[in-house]
């Protein structure tokens, strides 16, 4: 796989690990909602993830990431519609899409997928 794509995959992996670190073991929507700094930090990581996926898509649209459009769309909403961010959608992405993305990115970096 192209070196530049690997760099973006690594950036995605680091952002996922950062989100997991921010949330800790206790994944609680109420804690997430009550902490503005936590929400903003996670939103920033989603910006990075979405931008990295967008760049990968431009380099090679065949890279197998199943929720590409959703992550790119979330990035766009966070950046351009910061005043209309739906925290339940962000939380849903954390719970449903992030674990799958983590598996896919890890597999791509390990060379298990192409």
Protein backbone atom coordinates (compact mmCIF):
# COMPACT_ATOMS: atom_id res chain seq x y z
CA UNK A 1 0.00 0.00 0.00
CA UNK A 2 1.18 3.51 -0.77
CA UNK A 3 3.22 5.19 1.97
CA UNK A 4 0.96 8.26 2.03
CA UNK A 5 -2.12 6.10 2.56
CA UNK A 6 -0.38 4.32 5.43
CA UNK A 7 0.35 7.69 7.01
CA UNK A 8 -3.34 8.61 6.88
CA UNK A 9 -4.33 5.20 8.25
CA UNK A 10 -1.90 5.74 11.12
CA UNK A 11 -3.46 9.17 11.77
CA UNK A 12 -6.91 7.54 11.89
CA UNK A 13 -5.63 4.87 14.26
CA UNK A 14 -4.12 7.52 16.57
CA UNK A 15 -7.39 9.49 16.62
CA UNK A 16 -9.37 6.36 17.48
CA UNK A 17 -6.97 5.57 20.31
CA UNK A 18 -7.26 9.18 21.52
CA UNK A 19 -11.06 8.96 21.58
CA UNK A 20 -10.87 5.70 23.51
CA UNK A 21 -8.44 7.33 25.94
CA UNK A 22 -10.65 10.39 26.42
CA UNK A 23 -13.67 8.20 27.19
CA UNK A 24 -11.84 5.73 29.41
CA UNK A 25 -13.44 2.47 30.43
CA UNK A 26 -16.69 4.12 31.43
CA UNK A 27 -18.56 4.80 28.21
CA UNK A 28 -21.41 6.92 29.47
CA UNK A 29 -23.44 9.26 27.27
CA UNK A 30 -24.40 11.40 30.27
CA UNK A 31 -20.75 11.99 31.16
CA UNK A 32 -20.06 12.79 27.51
CA UNK A 33 -22.93 15.29 27.44
CA UNK A 34 -21.92 16.98 30.70
CA UNK A 35 -18.32 17.63 29.64
CA UNK A 36 -17.94 20.23 26.90
CA UNK A 37 -14.16 19.81 26.74
CA UNK A 38 -14.58 16.05 26.17
CA UNK A 39 -17.13 16.63 23.41
CA UNK A 40 -14.92 19.17 21.68
CA UNK A 41 -11.86 16.92 21.91
CA UNK A 42 -13.77 14.01 20.38
CA UNK A 43 -15.19 16.26 17.66
CA UNK A 44 -11.63 17.31 16.78
CA UNK A 45 -10.58 13.66 16.48
CA UNK A 46 -13.55 13.04 14.16
CA UNK A 47 -12.36 15.98 12.04
CA UNK A 48 -8.97 14.29 11.71
CA UNK A 49 -10.51 10.90 10.95
CA UNK A 50 -12.84 12.34 8.31
CA UNK A 51 -10.10 14.38 6.66
CA UNK A 52 -7.71 11.40 6.57
CA UNK A 53 -10.40 9.18 5.06
CA UNK A 54 -11.19 11.88 2.50
CA UNK A 55 -7.53 12.06 1.48
CA UNK A 56 -7.30 8.26 1.27
CA UNK A 57 -10.43 8.24 -0.91
CA UNK A 58 -8.82 10.74 -3.31
CA UNK A 59 -5.64 8.65 -3.54
CA UNK A 60 -7.31 5.24 -3.84
CA UNK A 61 -11.08 4.83 -3.67
CA UNK A 62 -10.69 1.04 -3.41
CA UNK A 63 -9.26 1.11 0.13
CA UNK A 64 -11.82 -0.97 2.06
CA UNK A 65 -13.27 1.30 4.73
CA UNK A 66 -16.98 0.59 5.07
CA UNK A 67 -18.21 3.88 6.55
CA UNK A 68 -16.17 6.29 4.44
CA UNK A 69 -19.05 8.56 3.52
CA UNK A 70 -20.37 8.71 7.07
CA UNK A 71 -17.00 9.75 8.53
CA UNK A 72 -16.37 12.30 5.78
CA UNK A 73 -19.89 13.65 6.30
CA UNK A 74 -19.35 13.89 10.05
CA UNK A 75 -16.11 15.79 9.47
CA UNK A 76 -17.96 18.25 7.26
CA UNK A 77 -20.76 18.71 9.81
CA UNK A 78 -18.30 19.27 12.66
CA UNK A 79 -16.26 21.82 10.70
CA UNK A 80 -18.95 23.65 8.75
CA UNK A 81 -22.00 23.13 10.95
CA UNK A 82 -20.40 23.36 14.37
CA UNK A 83 -23.53 25.06 15.71
CA UNK A 84 -25.75 22.19 14.56
CA UNK A 85 -23.83 19.18 15.85
CA UNK A 86 -26.14 16.46 17.13
CA UNK A 87 -24.37 14.89 20.09
CA UNK A 88 -26.45 11.72 19.83
CA UNK A 89 -25.17 11.20 16.26
CA UNK A 90 -21.57 11.66 17.41
CA UNK A 91 -22.19 9.22 20.26
CA UNK A 92 -23.77 6.74 17.84
CA UNK A 93 -20.67 6.92 15.66
CA UNK A 94 -18.49 6.28 18.71
CA UNK A 95 -20.50 3.23 19.70
CA UNK A 96 -21.36 1.74 16.30
CA UNK A 97 -18.86 2.86 13.67
CA UNK A 98 -15.61 3.50 15.53
CA UNK A 99 -15.01 -0.14 16.60
CA UNK A 100 -15.46 -1.32 13.01
CA UNK A 101 -13.18 1.43 11.68
CA UNK A 102 -10.57 0.46 14.26
CA UNK A 103 -10.64 -3.16 13.06
CA UNK A 104 -10.43 -2.16 9.41
CA UNK A 105 -7.57 0.30 9.92
CA UNK A 106 -5.63 -2.16 12.07
CA UNK A 107 -6.05 -4.85 9.41
CA UNK A 108 -4.93 -2.46 6.65
CA UNK A 109 -1.87 -1.35 8.59
CA UNK A 110 -1.01 -4.96 9.39
CA UNK A 111 -1.36 -5.87 5.72
CA UNK A 112 -4.28 -8.25 6.32
CA UNK A 113 -6.54 -6.45 3.83
CA UNK A 114 -5.96 -4.85 0.47
